Amino acid sequence: MVLVILRTVILFTVVVVVLRIMGKRQIGQLQPYELAIVILISELAAIPMENTAIPILGGLIPIFVLFTAQMLLAYISLKSEKARGIICGTPSVLVENSRIVEAEMRKQRYNINDLLEQLRSKNVANLDDVEYAILETSGQLSVILKSQKRPLTPEDLNIPTSYEGLPVTLIIDGFIFHDNLKRLNLSFEWLHAELNRVGIVDLKDVLFSYIDTKGNLFYQEKEGIGKEAKGVLKQP
């Protein structure tokens, strides 16, 4: 039993590390060869887990071979446009100027019901509103609406907008992100003083705290300690 547990932990760790190195894309965003490699790796890892008579290297070696093949194909695809087209394929235009491209639909074995379903998932009800619908190599459908059907933007109205950036997390469940504080040129003492001003003595009592895109400091205390509140960031 101990041997089975140990082999399972080792194989699971190897598979997780390999998939982590391969990238962060979700299953629906994988290229066909990447999906095939993921399935094969999971199958190869399962065999030594179930059968202790098979040496653990019998599962690890093929996994590393497939991992090497995936990295090699990814590198070739990155460096060569022609190779990328062969390995990953090329995007296919299914709708052009509100007209369904029948030949491409047949080639991709994509029926009209599938097309309409994907358009509805993009909040597009009328085919006449579509300038282009492109089937990407990952299988996702990209929809480009006609210019008169696109949402209005501040640029269309010549309204100036200020830069927002991204919120920066400072505390999660009492853990302080010192690197993020340093990136903002802020100190632990400043953060402690700001939260102390609203009655938080121990930063471990904070469930979540971040600086939003407008420069405001948001914090929420853990249940049973306090209640959600907001404070305005003041640079030290």
C-alpha atoms as a PDB file:
ATOM      1  CA  MET A   1       0.000   0.000   0.000  1.00  0.00           C
ATOM      2  CA  VAL A   2       2.815   2.409   0.894  1.00  0.00           C
ATOM      3  CA  LEU A   3       4.492   1.617  -2.438  1.00  0.00           C
ATOM      4  CA  VAL A   4       1.293   2.408  -4.352  1.00  0.00           C
ATOM      5  CA  ILE A   5       0.883   5.723  -2.518  1.00  0.00           C
ATOM      6  CA  LEU A   6       4.527   6.647  -3.140  1.00  0.00           C
ATOM      7  CA  ARG A   7       4.337   5.796  -6.846  1.00  0.00           C
ATOM      8  CA  THR A   8       1.101   7.744  -7.185  1.00  0.00           C
ATOM      9  CA  VAL A   9       2.566  10.825  -5.519  1.00  0.00           C
ATOM     10  CA  ILE A  10       5.680  10.697  -7.715  1.00  0.00           C
ATOM     11  CA  LEU A  11       3.755  10.248 -10.962  1.00  0.00           C
ATOM     12  CA  PHE A  12       1.178  12.872 -10.041  1.00  0.00           C
ATOM     13  CA  THR A  13       3.926  15.374  -9.213  1.00  0.00           C
ATOM     14  CA  VAL A  14       5.730  14.688 -12.488  1.00  0.00           C
ATOM     15  CA  VAL A  15       2.542  15.083 -14.543  1.00  0.00           C
ATOM     16  CA  VAL A  16       1.614  18.347 -12.800  1.00  0.00           C
ATOM     17  CA  VAL A  17       5.114  19.772 -13.316  1.00  0.00           C
ATOM     18  CA  VAL A  18       5.171  18.717 -16.975  1.00  0.00           C
ATOM     19  CA  LEU A  19       1.741  20.208 -17.710  1.00  0.00           C
ATOM     20  CA  ARG A  20       2.688  23.364 -15.816  1.00  0.00           C
ATOM     21  CA  ILE A  21       5.810  23.825 -17.938  1.00  0.00           C
ATOM     22  CA  MET A  22       3.824  23.175 -21.120  1.00  0.00           C
ATOM     23  CA  GLY A  23       1.806  26.350 -20.485  1.00  0.00           C
ATOM     24  CA  LYS A  24      -1.309  27.830 -18.903  1.00  0.00           C
ATOM     25  CA  ARG A  25      -3.857  27.338 -21.653  1.00  0.00           C
ATOM     26  CA  GLN A  26      -7.134  25.626 -20.885  1.00  0.00           C
ATOM     27  CA  ILE A  27      -8.201  22.391 -22.548  1.00  0.00           C
ATOM     28  CA  GLY A  28     -10.428  24.231 -25.013  1.00  0.00           C
ATOM     29  CA  GLN A  29      -7.487  26.402 -26.112  1.00  0.00           C
ATOM     30  CA  LEU A  30      -5.010  23.574 -26.769  1.00  0.00           C
ATOM     31  CA  GLN A  31      -3.784  22.800 -30.253  1.00  0.00           C
ATOM     32  CA  PRO A  32      -4.729  19.277 -31.486  1.00  0.00           C
ATOM     33  CA  TYR A  33      -1.198  17.909 -30.976  1.00  0.00           C
ATOM     34  CA  GLU A  34      -1.092  19.410 -27.470  1.00  0.00           C
ATOM     35  CA  LEU A  35      -4.412  17.807 -26.550  1.00  0.00           C
ATOM     36  CA  ALA A  36      -3.164  14.442 -27.840  1.00  0.00           C
ATOM     37  CA  ILE A  37      -0.002  14.764 -25.731  1.00  0.00           C
ATOM     38  CA  VAL A  38      -1.996  15.672 -22.598  1.00  0.00           C
ATOM     39  CA  ILE A  39      -4.245  12.624 -23.036  1.00  0.00           C
ATOM     40  CA  LEU A  40      -1.295  10.312 -23.653  1.00  0.00           C
ATOM     41  CA  ILE A  41       0.598  11.640 -20.634  1.00  0.00           C
ATOM     42  CA  SER A  42      -2.392  11.029 -18.361  1.00  0.00           C
ATOM     43  CA  GLU A  43      -2.783   7.485 -19.705  1.00  0.00           C
ATOM     44  CA  LEU A  44       0.932   6.709 -19.333  1.00  0.00           C
ATOM     45  CA  ALA A  45       0.889   7.948 -15.733  1.00  0.00           C
ATOM     46  CA  ALA A  46      -2.179   5.861 -14.868  1.00  0.00           C
ATOM     47  CA  ILE A  47      -0.659   2.533 -15.972  1.00  0.00           C
ATOM     48  CA  PRO A  48       2.209   2.399 -13.392  1.00  0.00           C
ATOM     49  CA  MET A  49      -0.175   3.692 -10.723  1.00  0.00           C
ATOM     50  CA  GLU A  50      -2.533   0.745 -11.223  1.00  0.00           C
ATOM     51  CA  ASN A  51       0.072  -1.962 -11.833  1.00  0.00           C
ATOM     52  CA  THR A  52       2.988  -2.029  -9.389  1.00  0.00           C
ATOM     53  CA  ALA A  53       4.623  -4.795 -11.462  1.00  0.00           C
ATOM     54  CA  ILE A  54       5.483  -2.183 -14.086  1.00  0.00           C
ATOM     55  CA  PRO A  55       8.657  -0.223 -13.197  1.00  0.00           C
ATOM     56  CA  ILE A  56       7.904   3.419 -12.466  1.00  0.00           C
ATOM     57  CA  LEU A  57      10.482   4.364 -15.107  1.00  0.00           C
ATOM     58  CA  GLY A  58       8.219   2.613 -17.614  1.00  0.00           C
ATOM     59  CA  GLY A  59       5.789   5.488 -17.111  1.00  0.00           C
ATOM     60  CA  LEU A  60       8.241   8.325 -16.503  1.00  0.00           C
ATOM     61  CA  ILE A  61      10.394   7.816 -19.609  1.00  0.00           C
ATOM     62  CA  PRO A  62       7.506   7.999 -22.142  1.00  0.00           C
ATOM     63  CA  ILE A  63       6.127  11.039 -20.301  1.00  0.00           C
ATOM     64  CA  PHE A  64       9.445  12.864 -20.651  1.00  0.00           C
ATOM     65  CA  VAL A  65       9.687  11.801 -24.311  1.00  0.00           C
ATOM     66  CA  LEU A  66       6.247  13.269 -25.025  1.00  0.00           C
ATOM     67  CA  PHE A  67       7.114  16.388 -23.034  1.00  0.00           C
ATOM     68  CA  THR A  68      10.295  16.843 -25.088  1.00  0.00           C
ATOM     69  CA  ALA A  69       8.331  16.338 -28.310  1.00  0.00           C
ATOM     70  CA  GLN A  70       5.794  18.957 -27.252  1.00  0.00           C
ATOM     71  CA  MET A  71       8.487  21.496 -26.384  1.00  0.00           C
ATOM     72  CA  LEU A  72      10.258  20.829 -29.685  1.00  0.00           C
ATOM     73  CA  LEU A  73       7.077  21.249 -31.722  1.00  0.00           C
ATOM     74  CA  ALA A  74       6.189  24.415 -29.807  1.00  0.00           C
ATOM     75  CA  TYR A  75       9.663  25.842 -30.490  1.00  0.00           C
ATOM     76  CA  ILE A  76       9.458  24.990 -34.203  1.00  0.00           C
ATOM     77  CA  SER A  77       5.987  26.570 -34.392  1.00  0.00           C
ATOM     78  CA  LEU A  78       7.307  29.685 -32.692  1.00  0.00           C
ATOM     79  CA  LYS A  79      10.206  30.098 -35.122  1.00  0.00           C
ATOM     80  CA  SER A  80       8.624  29.070 -38.426  1.00  0.00           C
ATOM     81  CA  GLU A  81       5.393  30.421 -39.873  1.00  0.00           C
ATOM     82  CA  LYS A  82       5.220  27.611 -42.429  1.00  0.00           C
ATOM     83  CA  ALA A  83       5.764  24.941 -39.796  1.00  0.00           C
ATOM     84  CA  ARG A  84       3.139  26.586 -37.577  1.00  0.00           C
ATOM     85  CA  GLY A  85       0.598  26.243 -40.369  1.00  0.00           C
ATOM     86  CA  ILE A  86       1.399  22.551 -40.783  1.00  0.00           C
ATOM     87  CA  ILE A  87       1.506  21.717 -37.057  1.00  0.00           C
ATOM     88  CA  CYS A  88      -1.277  23.940 -35.741  1.00  0.00           C
ATOM     89  CA  GLY A  89      -3.290  24.672 -38.865  1.00  0.00           C
ATOM     90  CA  THR A  90      -4.568  28.076 -39.932  1.00  0.00           C
ATOM     91  CA  PRO A  91      -7.677  30.082 -38.997  1.00  0.00           C
ATOM     92  CA  SER A  92     -10.715  29.583 -41.238  1.00  0.00           C
ATOM     93  CA  VAL A  93     -13.160  32.304 -42.262  1.00  0.00           C
ATOM     94  CA  LEU A  94     -16.676  30.883 -41.872  1.00  0.00           C
ATOM     95  CA  VAL A  95     -18.594  34.142 -42.327  1.00  0.00           C
ATOM     96  CA  GLU A  96     -17.507  37.022 -44.543  1.00  0.00           C
ATOM     97  CA  ASN A  97     -19.579  40.194 -44.759  1.00  0.00           C
ATOM     98  CA  SER A  98     -22.633  38.397 -43.273  1.00  0.00           C
ATOM     99  CA  ARG A  99     -22.329  35.621 -45.883  1.00  0.00           C
ATOM    100  CA  ILE A 100     -21.659  32.031 -44.820  1.00  0.00           C
ATOM    101  CA  VAL A 101     -18.670  30.574 -46.645  1.00  0.00           C
ATOM    102  CA  GLU A 102     -20.106  27.178 -47.557  1.00  0.00           C
ATOM    103  CA  ALA A 103     -16.891  25.651 -48.909  1.00  0.00           C
ATOM    104  CA  GLU A 104     -14.997  26.419 -45.698  1.00  0.00           C
ATOM    105  CA  MET A 105     -17.886  25.172 -43.560  1.00  0.00           C
ATOM    106  CA  ARG A 106     -17.811  21.836 -45.402  1.00  0.00           C
ATOM    107  CA  LYS A 107     -14.034  21.644 -45.160  1.00  0.00           C
ATOM    108  CA  GLN A 108     -14.116  22.181 -41.397  1.00  0.00           C
ATOM    109  CA  ARG A 109     -17.192  19.920 -40.975  1.00  0.00           C
ATOM    110  CA  TYR A 110     -18.924  22.799 -39.230  1.00  0.00           C
ATOM    111  CA  ASN A 111     -22.701  22.909 -39.538  1.00  0.00           C
ATOM    112  CA  ILE A 112     -24.922  25.967 -39.451  1.00  0.00           C
ATOM    113  CA  ASN A 113     -26.473  25.051 -36.107  1.00  0.00           C
ATOM    114  CA  ASP A 114     -23.001  24.989 -34.541  1.00  0.00           C
ATOM    115  CA  LEU A 115     -22.245  28.364 -36.103  1.00  0.00           C
ATOM    116  CA  LEU A 116     -25.456  29.943 -34.835  1.00  0.00           C
ATOM    117  CA  GLU A 117     -24.877  28.485 -31.371  1.00  0.00           C
ATOM    118  CA  GLN A 118     -21.395  29.970 -31.211  1.00  0.00           C
ATOM    119  CA  LEU A 119     -22.696  33.340 -32.416  1.00  0.00           C
ATOM    120  CA  ARG A 120     -25.359  33.346 -29.704  1.00  0.00           C
ATOM    121  CA  SER A 121     -22.672  32.568 -27.108  1.00  0.00           C
ATOM    122  CA  LYS A 122     -20.986  35.793 -28.277  1.00  0.00           C
ATOM    123  CA  ASN A 123     -24.279  37.677 -27.785  1.00  0.00           C
ATOM    124  CA  VAL A 124     -24.814  37.948 -31.547  1.00  0.00           C
ATOM    125  CA  ALA A 125     -28.367  37.094 -32.578  1.00  0.00           C
ATOM    126  CA  ASN A 126     -28.366  38.255 -36.210  1.00  0.00           C
ATOM    127  CA  LEU A 127     -25.983  36.943 -38.833  1.00  0.00           C
ATOM    128  CA  ASP A 128     -26.428  40.224 -40.688  1.00  0.00           C
ATOM    129  CA  ASP A 129     -24.517  41.993 -37.876  1.00  0.00           C
ATOM    130  CA  VAL A 130     -21.392  39.922 -38.484  1.00  0.00           C
ATOM    131  CA  GLU A 131     -18.531  41.214 -40.621  1.00  0.00           C
ATOM    132  CA  TYR A 132     -16.321  38.172 -40.055  1.00  0.00           C
ATOM    133  CA  ALA A 133     -16.595  34.943 -38.077  1.00  0.00           C
ATOM    134  CA  ILE A 134     -13.238  33.159 -37.884  1.00  0.00           C
ATOM    135  CA  LEU A 135     -12.683  29.627 -36.601  1.00  0.00           C
ATOM    136  CA  GLU A 136      -9.354  29.762 -34.783  1.00  0.00           C
ATOM    137  CA  THR A 137      -6.881  26.890 -34.678  1.00  0.00           C
ATOM    138  CA  SER A 138      -7.883  26.229 -31.058  1.00  0.00           C
ATOM    139  CA  GLY A 139     -11.499  25.639 -32.137  1.00  0.00           C
ATOM    140  CA  GLN A 140     -12.762  28.935 -30.720  1.00  0.00           C
ATOM    141  CA  LEU A 141     -14.920  31.170 -32.912  1.00  0.00           C
ATOM    142  CA  SER A 142     -13.859  34.818 -33.123  1.00  0.00           C
ATOM    143  CA  VAL A 143     -16.616  37.232 -34.181  1.00  0.00           C
ATOM    144  CA  ILE A 144     -15.972  40.677 -35.652  1.00  0.00           C
ATOM    145  CA  LEU A 145     -19.101  42.781 -35.840  1.00  0.00           C
ATOM    146  CA  LYS A 146     -19.807  45.376 -38.495  1.00  0.00           C
ATOM    147  CA  SER A 147     -18.586  48.822 -37.492  1.00  0.00           C
ATOM    148  CA  GLN A 148     -22.113  50.195 -37.024  1.00  0.00           C
ATOM    149  CA  LYS A 149     -23.006  47.271 -34.740  1.00  0.00           C
ATOM    150  CA  ARG A 150     -20.038  47.508 -32.381  1.00  0.00           C
ATOM    151  CA  PRO A 151     -20.465  48.944 -28.868  1.00  0.00           C
ATOM    152  CA  LEU A 152     -19.895  52.661 -28.514  1.00  0.00           C
ATOM    153  CA  THR A 153     -16.524  53.623 -26.987  1.00  0.00           C
ATOM    154  CA  PRO A 154     -15.251  56.861 -25.413  1.00  0.00           C
ATOM    155  CA  GLU A 155     -12.988  57.257 -28.450  1.00  0.00           C
ATOM    156  CA  ASP A 156     -16.036  57.395 -30.726  1.00  0.00           C
ATOM    157  CA  LEU A 157     -17.316  60.371 -28.710  1.00  0.00           C
ATOM    158  CA  ASN A 158     -13.867  61.980 -28.384  1.00  0.00           C
ATOM    159  CA  ILE A 159     -14.058  61.630 -24.603  1.00  0.00           C
ATOM    160  CA  PRO A 160     -10.614  61.549 -22.949  1.00  0.00           C
ATOM    161  CA  THR A 161     -10.015  58.799 -20.400  1.00  0.00           C
ATOM    162  CA  SER A 162      -7.281  58.363 -17.835  1.00  0.00           C
ATOM    163  CA  TYR A 163      -4.970  55.376 -17.593  1.00  0.00           C
ATOM    164  CA  GLU A 164      -6.256  52.736 -15.195  1.00  0.00           C
ATOM    165  CA  GLY A 165      -3.807  49.831 -15.139  1.00  0.00           C
ATOM    166  CA  LEU A 166      -4.517  46.757 -13.000  1.00  0.00           C
ATOM    167  CA  PRO A 167      -5.473  46.352  -9.336  1.00  0.00           C
ATOM    168  CA  VAL A 168      -2.576  45.232  -7.154  1.00  0.00           C
ATOM    169  CA  THR A 169      -3.178  42.659  -4.427  1.00  0.00           C
ATOM    170  CA  LEU A 170      -1.600  43.442  -1.051  1.00  0.00           C
ATOM    171  CA  ILE A 171      -3.098  40.877   1.346  1.00  0.00           C
ATOM    172  CA  ILE A 172      -4.880  37.552   0.874  1.00  0.00           C
ATOM    173  CA  ASP A 173      -6.073  35.699   3.977  1.00  0.00           C
ATOM    174  CA  GLY A 174      -3.553  37.471   6.189  1.00  0.00           C
ATOM    175  CA  PHE A 175      -0.590  36.863   3.833  1.00  0.00           C
ATOM    176  CA  ILE A 176       1.170  40.087   2.835  1.00  0.00           C
ATOM    177  CA  PHE A 177       2.572  40.445  -0.687  1.00  0.00           C
ATOM    178  CA  HIS A 178       5.757  42.384   0.067  1.00  0.00           C
ATOM    179  CA  ASP A 179       6.871  42.263  -3.594  1.00  0.00           C
ATOM    180  CA  ASN A 180       3.714  44.090  -4.657  1.00  0.00           C
ATOM    181  CA  LEU A 181       4.252  46.722  -1.977  1.00  0.00           C
ATOM    182  CA  LYS A 182       7.801  47.206  -3.191  1.00  0.00           C
ATOM    183  CA  ARG A 183       6.619  47.516  -6.790  1.00  0.00           C
ATOM    184  CA  LEU A 184       4.312  50.349  -5.739  1.00  0.00           C
ATOM    185  CA  ASN A 185       7.074  51.997  -3.702  1.00  0.00           C
ATOM    186  CA  LEU A 186       5.059  51.394  -0.542  1.00  0.00           C
ATOM    187  CA  SER A 187       6.185  49.901   2.747  1.00  0.00           C
ATOM    188  CA  PHE A 188       4.787  47.421   5.237  1.00  0.00           C
ATOM    189  CA  GLU A 189       4.762  50.226   7.834  1.00  0.00           C
ATOM    190  CA  TRP A 190       2.567  52.368   5.565  1.00  0.00           C
ATOM    191  CA  LEU A 191       0.097  49.529   5.011  1.00  0.00           C
ATOM    192  CA  HIS A 192      -0.036  48.713   8.704  1.00  0.00           C
ATOM    193  CA  ALA A 193      -0.609  52.387   9.574  1.00  0.00           C
ATOM    194  CA  GLU A 194      -3.415  52.773   7.009  1.00  0.00           C
ATOM    195  CA  LEU A 195      -5.272  49.697   8.256  1.00  0.00           C
ATOM    196  CA  ASN A 196      -4.563  50.566  11.870  1.00  0.00           C
ATOM    197  CA  ARG A 197      -6.336  53.876  11.236  1.00  0.00           C
ATOM    198  CA  VAL A 198      -9.599  51.992  10.713  1.00  0.00           C
ATOM    199  CA  GLY A 199      -9.133  49.714  13.707  1.00  0.00           C
ATOM    200  CA  ILE A 200      -7.208  46.757  12.247  1.00  0.00           C
ATOM    201  CA  VAL A 201      -4.297  46.012  14.553  1.00  0.00           C
ATOM    202  CA  ASP A 202      -3.191  42.609  13.242  1.00  0.00           C
ATOM    203  CA  LEU A 203      -2.913  42.292   9.452  1.00  0.00           C
ATOM    204  CA  LYS A 204      -3.601  38.567   9.780  1.00  0.00           C
ATOM    205  CA  ASP A 205      -7.218  39.587  10.447  1.00  0.00           C
ATOM    206  CA  VAL A 206      -7.515  40.880   6.848  1.00  0.00           C
ATOM    207  CA  LEU A 207      -9.193  38.533   4.373  1.00  0.00           C
ATOM    208  CA  PHE A 208      -8.425  40.588   1.270  1.00  0.00           C
ATOM    209  CA  SER A 209      -6.805  43.925   0.532  1.00  0.00           C
ATOM    210  CA  TYR A 210      -5.773  45.552  -2.714  1.00  0.00           C
ATOM    211  CA  ILE A 211      -5.158  48.909  -4.362  1.00  0.00           C
ATOM    212  CA  ASP A 212      -7.665  49.480  -7.138  1.00  0.00           C
ATOM    213  CA  THR A 213      -7.091  51.132 -10.502  1.00  0.00           C
ATOM    214  CA  LYS A 214      -8.006  54.543  -9.077  1.00  0.00           C
ATOM    215  CA  GLY A 215      -5.474  54.339  -6.256  1.00  0.00           C
ATOM    216  CA  ASN A 216      -7.947  53.515  -3.496  1.00  0.00           C
ATOM    217  CA  LEU A 217      -7.079  51.027  -0.785  1.00  0.00           C
ATOM    218  CA  PHE A 218      -9.733  48.346  -0.382  1.00  0.00           C
ATOM    219  CA  TYR A 219      -9.822  45.913   2.511  1.00  0.00           C
ATOM    220  CA  GLN A 220     -12.149  43.311   3.940  1.00  0.00           C
ATOM    221  CA  GLU A 221     -11.733  41.730   7.351  1.00  0.00           C
ATOM    222  CA  LYS A 222     -12.320  38.047   8.055  1.00  0.00           C
ATOM    223  CA  GLU A 223     -15.740  36.980   9.285  1.00  0.00           C
ATOM    224  CA  GLY A 224     -16.320  37.437  12.982  1.00  0.00           C
ATOM    225  CA  ILE A 225     -13.704  40.174  13.231  1.00  0.00           C
ATOM    226  CA  GLY A 226     -15.070  43.153  11.389  1.00  0.00           C
ATOM    227  CA  LYS A 227     -16.999  44.167   8.298  1.00  0.00           C
ATOM    228  CA  GLU A 228     -16.130  45.115   4.761  1.00  0.00           C
ATOM    229  CA  ALA A 229     -14.902  48.681   4.350  1.00  0.00           C
ATOM    230  CA  LYS A 230     -12.930  50.900   2.006  1.00  0.00           C
ATOM    231  CA  GLY A 231     -10.264  53.511   2.562  1.00  0.00           C
ATOM    232  CA  VAL A 232      -8.605  56.042   0.280  1.00  0.00           C
ATOM    233  CA  LEU A 233      -4.967  55.434  -0.502  1.00  0.00           C
ATOM    234  CA  LYS A 234      -2.587  58.177   0.582  1.00  0.00           C
ATOM    235  CA  GLN A 235       0.967  57.945  -0.591  1.00  0.00           C
ATOM    236  CA  PRO A 236       3.507  57.964   2.263  1.00  0.00           C
END
